[in-house]
C-alpha cells in the first residue's frame, strides 16, 4: 500500500484530489480523453496491456506494428499539423 502523496512523488499517479472530488475529476479527465485521437489511444492501451502480459520483444513488436499502422490515418496528419502550427495538445480530432 502506498499513500497518495507518496504515489504522486513516485510518479505512480498523475494527480491527487480530495476524496469528494474523485468522480467529478475522473469524469472530466475521461471527457477530455474522449476528444483525443481514438485510434492512438486504443493503440496505446493495447500496447500497454499486451506488454504487461508478454515478454519485452512481443510487447515491442505490438507497439511497432501499431506505430506503423497509425501513420496511415488522418489522425496522424491532424495531430502533426496541429502540433507544428499550434503547439501540443490543441488538435481537434474527428
N, C-alpha and C. Protein backbone atom coordinates (compact mmCIF):
# COMPACT_ATOMS: atom_id res chain seq x y z
N UNK A 1 0.84 -1.18 0.00
CA UNK A 1 0.00 0.00 0.00
C UNK A 1 0.89 1.25 0.00
N UNK A 2 0.53 2.21 -0.82
CA UNK A 2 1.29 3.45 -0.93
C UNK A 2 0.32 4.61 -0.68
N UNK A 3 0.71 5.54 0.14
CA UNK A 3 -0.14 6.71 0.40
C UNK A 3 -0.17 7.61 -0.83
N UNK A 4 -1.24 8.39 -0.97
CA UNK A 4 -1.46 9.22 -2.15
C UNK A 4 -0.30 10.16 -2.44
N UNK A 5 0.19 10.87 -1.44
CA UNK A 5 1.27 11.82 -1.68
C UNK A 5 2.56 11.11 -2.13
N UNK A 6 2.80 9.92 -1.60
CA UNK A 6 3.97 9.15 -2.00
C UNK A 6 3.81 8.63 -3.43
N UNK A 7 2.60 8.19 -3.77
CA UNK A 7 2.33 7.71 -5.13
C UNK A 7 2.56 8.82 -6.14
N UNK A 8 2.18 10.04 -5.78
CA UNK A 8 2.39 11.19 -6.66
C UNK A 8 3.89 11.47 -6.81
N UNK A 9 4.62 11.44 -5.73
CA UNK A 9 6.06 11.67 -5.76
C UNK A 9 6.78 10.62 -6.59
N UNK A 10 6.32 9.38 -6.49
CA UNK A 10 6.95 8.28 -7.24
C UNK A 10 6.52 8.24 -8.71
N UNK A 11 5.53 9.03 -9.07
CA UNK A 11 5.05 9.03 -10.45
C UNK A 11 4.08 7.91 -10.75
N UNK A 12 3.51 7.32 -9.71
CA UNK A 12 2.54 6.23 -9.92
C UNK A 12 1.16 6.76 -10.29
N UNK A 13 0.89 8.01 -9.95
CA UNK A 13 -0.38 8.66 -10.29
C UNK A 13 -0.08 10.02 -10.89
N UNK A 14 -1.03 10.54 -11.66
CA UNK A 14 -0.85 11.84 -12.29
C UNK A 14 -1.24 13.00 -11.39
N UNK A 15 -2.22 12.76 -10.52
CA UNK A 15 -2.64 13.80 -9.60
C UNK A 15 -3.36 13.18 -8.42
N UNK A 16 -3.44 13.95 -7.36
CA UNK A 16 -4.16 13.55 -6.15
C UNK A 16 -5.24 14.59 -5.92
N UNK A 17 -6.46 14.14 -5.71
CA UNK A 17 -7.58 15.04 -5.47
C UNK A 17 -8.29 14.62 -4.19
N UNK A 18 -9.01 15.54 -3.57
CA UNK A 18 -9.78 15.17 -2.38
C UNK A 18 -10.80 14.08 -2.71
N UNK A 19 -11.08 13.23 -1.74
CA UNK A 19 -11.97 12.09 -1.95
C UNK A 19 -13.32 12.50 -2.53
N UNK A 20 -13.86 13.63 -2.10
CA UNK A 20 -15.18 14.03 -2.59
C UNK A 20 -15.15 14.57 -4.02
N UNK A 21 -13.97 14.71 -4.60
CA UNK A 21 -13.85 15.20 -5.98
C UNK A 21 -13.40 14.12 -6.96
N UNK A 22 -13.17 12.90 -6.48
CA UNK A 22 -12.60 11.85 -7.33
C UNK A 22 -13.47 11.59 -8.55
N UNK A 23 -14.75 11.36 -8.38
CA UNK A 23 -15.60 11.02 -9.52
C UNK A 23 -15.75 12.18 -10.50
N UNK A 24 -15.89 13.39 -10.00
CA UNK A 24 -16.00 14.55 -10.89
C UNK A 24 -14.72 14.75 -11.68
N UNK A 25 -13.57 14.62 -11.01
CA UNK A 25 -12.28 14.77 -11.69
C UNK A 25 -12.05 13.66 -12.71
N UNK A 26 -12.41 12.43 -12.34
CA UNK A 26 -12.26 11.30 -13.27
C UNK A 26 -13.15 11.50 -14.49
N UNK A 27 -14.37 11.96 -14.28
CA UNK A 27 -15.29 12.19 -15.39
C UNK A 27 -14.76 13.29 -16.31
N UNK A 28 -14.24 14.36 -15.74
CA UNK A 28 -13.68 15.46 -16.54
C UNK A 28 -12.48 14.97 -17.36
N UNK A 29 -11.63 14.16 -16.75
CA UNK A 29 -10.46 13.64 -17.45
C UNK A 29 -10.89 12.70 -18.57
N UNK A 30 -11.87 11.84 -18.30
CA UNK A 30 -12.37 10.91 -19.33
C UNK A 30 -12.98 11.69 -20.49
N UNK A 31 -13.70 12.77 -20.21
CA UNK A 31 -14.30 13.59 -21.27
C UNK A 31 -13.21 14.21 -22.14
N UNK A 32 -12.12 14.64 -21.51
CA UNK A 32 -11.01 15.21 -22.28
C UNK A 32 -10.35 14.14 -23.15
N UNK A 33 -10.13 12.96 -22.59
CA UNK A 33 -9.53 11.86 -23.37
C UNK A 33 -10.42 11.45 -24.53
N UNK A 34 -11.73 11.52 -24.34
CA UNK A 34 -12.67 11.12 -25.39
C UNK A 34 -12.58 12.03 -26.62
N UNK A 35 -12.04 13.22 -26.44
CA UNK A 35 -11.87 14.14 -27.57
C UNK A 35 -10.55 13.92 -28.30
N UNK A 36 -9.73 13.02 -27.80
CA UNK A 36 -8.41 12.77 -28.37
C UNK A 36 -8.46 11.83 -29.56
N UNK A 37 -7.29 11.44 -30.04
CA UNK A 37 -7.20 10.54 -31.20
C UNK A 37 -7.56 9.10 -30.79
N UNK A 38 -8.76 8.68 -31.11
CA UNK A 38 -9.28 7.39 -30.64
C UNK A 38 -8.38 6.22 -31.03
N UNK A 39 -7.90 6.20 -32.26
CA UNK A 39 -7.06 5.08 -32.70
C UNK A 39 -5.74 5.03 -31.92
N UNK A 40 -5.14 6.18 -31.70
CA UNK A 40 -3.87 6.22 -30.97
C UNK A 40 -4.07 5.82 -29.51
N UNK A 41 -5.18 6.24 -28.92
CA UNK A 41 -5.46 5.85 -27.54
C UNK A 41 -5.70 4.34 -27.44
N UNK A 42 -6.42 3.80 -28.41
CA UNK A 42 -6.64 2.35 -28.44
C UNK A 42 -5.31 1.62 -28.60
N UNK A 43 -4.46 2.13 -29.49
CA UNK A 43 -3.16 1.51 -29.72
C UNK A 43 -2.31 1.54 -28.45
N UNK A 44 -2.32 2.66 -27.76
CA UNK A 44 -1.54 2.77 -26.53
C UNK A 44 -2.05 1.78 -25.49
N UNK A 45 -3.37 1.70 -25.34
CA UNK A 45 -3.95 0.77 -24.36
C UNK A 45 -3.60 -0.67 -24.70
N UNK A 46 -3.75 -1.05 -25.96
CA UNK A 46 -3.44 -2.42 -26.34
C UNK A 46 -1.95 -2.71 -26.18
N UNK A 47 -1.10 -1.76 -26.53
CA UNK A 47 0.35 -1.96 -26.38
C UNK A 47 0.72 -2.15 -24.92
N UNK A 48 0.15 -1.33 -24.06
CA UNK A 48 0.43 -1.45 -22.63
C UNK A 48 -0.09 -2.78 -22.09
N UNK A 49 -1.34 -3.10 -22.40
CA UNK A 49 -1.92 -4.35 -21.91
C UNK A 49 -1.13 -5.57 -22.39
N UNK A 50 -0.79 -5.58 -23.66
CA UNK A 50 -0.03 -6.70 -24.21
C UNK A 50 1.36 -6.76 -23.60
N UNK A 51 1.98 -5.59 -23.46
CA UNK A 51 3.32 -5.54 -22.88
C UNK A 51 3.38 -6.07 -21.46
N UNK A 52 2.31 -5.88 -20.72
CA UNK A 52 2.26 -6.37 -19.35
C UNK A 52 2.06 -7.88 -19.28
N UNK A 53 1.52 -8.46 -20.35
CA UNK A 53 1.19 -9.88 -20.35
C UNK A 53 2.19 -10.75 -21.10
N UNK A 54 3.17 -10.13 -21.76
CA UNK A 54 4.10 -10.90 -22.60
C UNK A 54 5.54 -10.47 -22.31
N UNK A 55 6.44 -11.06 -23.06
CA UNK A 55 7.85 -10.69 -22.94
C UNK A 55 8.10 -9.36 -23.66
N UNK A 56 9.24 -8.77 -23.42
CA UNK A 56 9.56 -7.45 -23.96
C UNK A 56 9.57 -7.43 -25.49
N UNK A 57 10.09 -8.47 -26.11
CA UNK A 57 10.14 -8.49 -27.58
C UNK A 57 8.75 -8.48 -28.20
N UNK A 58 7.85 -9.26 -27.65
CA UNK A 58 6.47 -9.29 -28.16
C UNK A 58 5.81 -7.93 -27.94
N UNK A 59 6.00 -7.36 -26.75
CA UNK A 59 5.43 -6.05 -26.47
C UNK A 59 5.93 -4.98 -27.43
N UNK A 60 7.23 -4.99 -27.70
CA UNK A 60 7.80 -4.01 -28.64
C UNK A 60 7.32 -4.24 -30.06
N UNK A 61 7.10 -5.48 -30.43
CA UNK A 61 6.57 -5.78 -31.77
C UNK A 61 5.15 -5.23 -31.92
N UNK A 62 4.33 -5.44 -30.90
CA UNK A 62 2.97 -4.90 -30.93
C UNK A 62 3.01 -3.37 -31.05
N UNK A 63 3.84 -2.73 -30.25
CA UNK A 63 3.96 -1.28 -30.29
C UNK A 63 4.43 -0.79 -31.66
N UNK A 64 5.43 -1.45 -32.22
CA UNK A 64 5.96 -1.09 -33.54
C UNK A 64 4.88 -1.22 -34.61
N UNK A 65 4.12 -2.30 -34.57
CA UNK A 65 3.06 -2.51 -35.56
C UNK A 65 1.98 -1.43 -35.47
N UNK A 66 1.58 -1.10 -34.26
CA UNK A 66 0.59 -0.03 -34.10
C UNK A 66 1.16 1.30 -34.60
N UNK A 67 2.39 1.59 -34.24
CA UNK A 67 3.00 2.86 -34.64
C UNK A 67 3.01 2.99 -36.17
N UNK A 68 3.44 1.94 -36.83
CA UNK A 68 3.49 1.97 -38.30
C UNK A 68 2.09 2.11 -38.88
N UNK A 69 1.14 1.40 -38.35
CA UNK A 69 -0.23 1.46 -38.85
C UNK A 69 -0.88 2.82 -38.64
N UNK A 70 -0.56 3.48 -37.56
CA UNK A 70 -1.17 4.78 -37.28
C UNK A 70 -0.67 5.88 -38.20
N UNK A 71 0.46 5.66 -38.83
CA UNK A 71 0.97 6.67 -39.75
C UNK A 71 0.09 6.84 -40.98
N UNK A 72 -0.74 5.86 -41.26
CA UNK A 72 -1.61 5.92 -42.44
C UNK A 72 -2.98 6.51 -42.11
N UNK A 73 -3.18 7.06 -40.93
CA UNK A 73 -4.50 7.56 -40.53
C UNK A 73 -4.59 9.08 -40.64
N UNK A 74 -5.80 9.60 -40.81
CA UNK A 74 -5.99 11.05 -40.81
C UNK A 74 -5.60 11.69 -39.48
N UNK A 75 -5.74 10.95 -38.38
CA UNK A 75 -5.37 11.49 -37.07
C UNK A 75 -3.89 11.88 -37.03
N UNK A 76 -3.03 11.10 -37.68
CA UNK A 76 -1.61 11.42 -37.70
C UNK A 76 -1.39 12.77 -38.36
N UNK A 77 -2.04 12.98 -39.49
CA UNK A 77 -1.90 14.25 -40.21
C UNK A 77 -2.44 15.41 -39.37
N UNK A 78 -3.62 15.21 -38.81
CA UNK A 78 -4.23 16.25 -37.97
C UNK A 78 -3.33 16.58 -36.79
N UNK A 79 -2.87 15.56 -36.09
CA UNK A 79 -2.05 15.77 -34.91
C UNK A 79 -0.73 16.44 -35.21
N UNK A 80 -0.06 15.99 -36.25
CA UNK A 80 1.25 16.57 -36.58
C UNK A 80 1.11 18.01 -37.06
N UNK A 81 0.09 18.27 -37.89
CA UNK A 81 -0.11 19.63 -38.39
C UNK A 81 -0.42 20.57 -37.22
N UNK A 82 -1.32 20.14 -36.36
CA UNK A 82 -1.70 20.97 -35.22
C UNK A 82 -0.51 21.21 -34.28
N UNK A 83 0.28 20.19 -34.06
CA UNK A 83 1.45 20.33 -33.18
C UNK A 83 2.41 21.39 -33.72
N UNK A 84 2.68 21.36 -35.02
CA UNK A 84 3.61 22.31 -35.63
C UNK A 84 3.02 23.72 -35.64
N UNK A 85 1.73 23.83 -35.99
CA UNK A 85 1.11 25.15 -36.16
C UNK A 85 0.64 25.78 -34.85
N UNK A 86 0.17 24.95 -33.91
CA UNK A 86 -0.46 25.50 -32.70
C UNK A 86 0.18 25.07 -31.40
N UNK A 87 1.04 24.06 -31.46
CA UNK A 87 1.66 23.55 -30.24
C UNK A 87 0.95 22.30 -29.74
N UNK A 88 1.52 21.64 -28.76
CA UNK A 88 0.96 20.36 -28.28
C UNK A 88 -0.39 20.52 -27.59
N UNK A 89 -1.23 19.50 -27.76
CA UNK A 89 -2.49 19.42 -27.04
C UNK A 89 -3.63 20.24 -27.59
N UNK A 90 -3.53 20.74 -28.80
CA UNK A 90 -4.58 21.60 -29.33
C UNK A 90 -5.30 21.02 -30.55
N UNK A 91 -4.92 19.83 -30.97
CA UNK A 91 -5.53 19.22 -32.15
C UNK A 91 -6.99 18.90 -31.90
N UNK A 92 -7.81 19.03 -32.93
CA UNK A 92 -9.22 18.66 -32.90
C UNK A 92 -9.40 17.44 -33.79
N UNK A 93 -9.63 16.29 -33.17
CA UNK A 93 -9.75 15.04 -33.92
C UNK A 93 -11.20 14.75 -34.28
N UNK A 94 -11.38 14.04 -35.40
CA UNK A 94 -12.73 13.65 -35.83
C UNK A 94 -13.20 12.45 -35.07
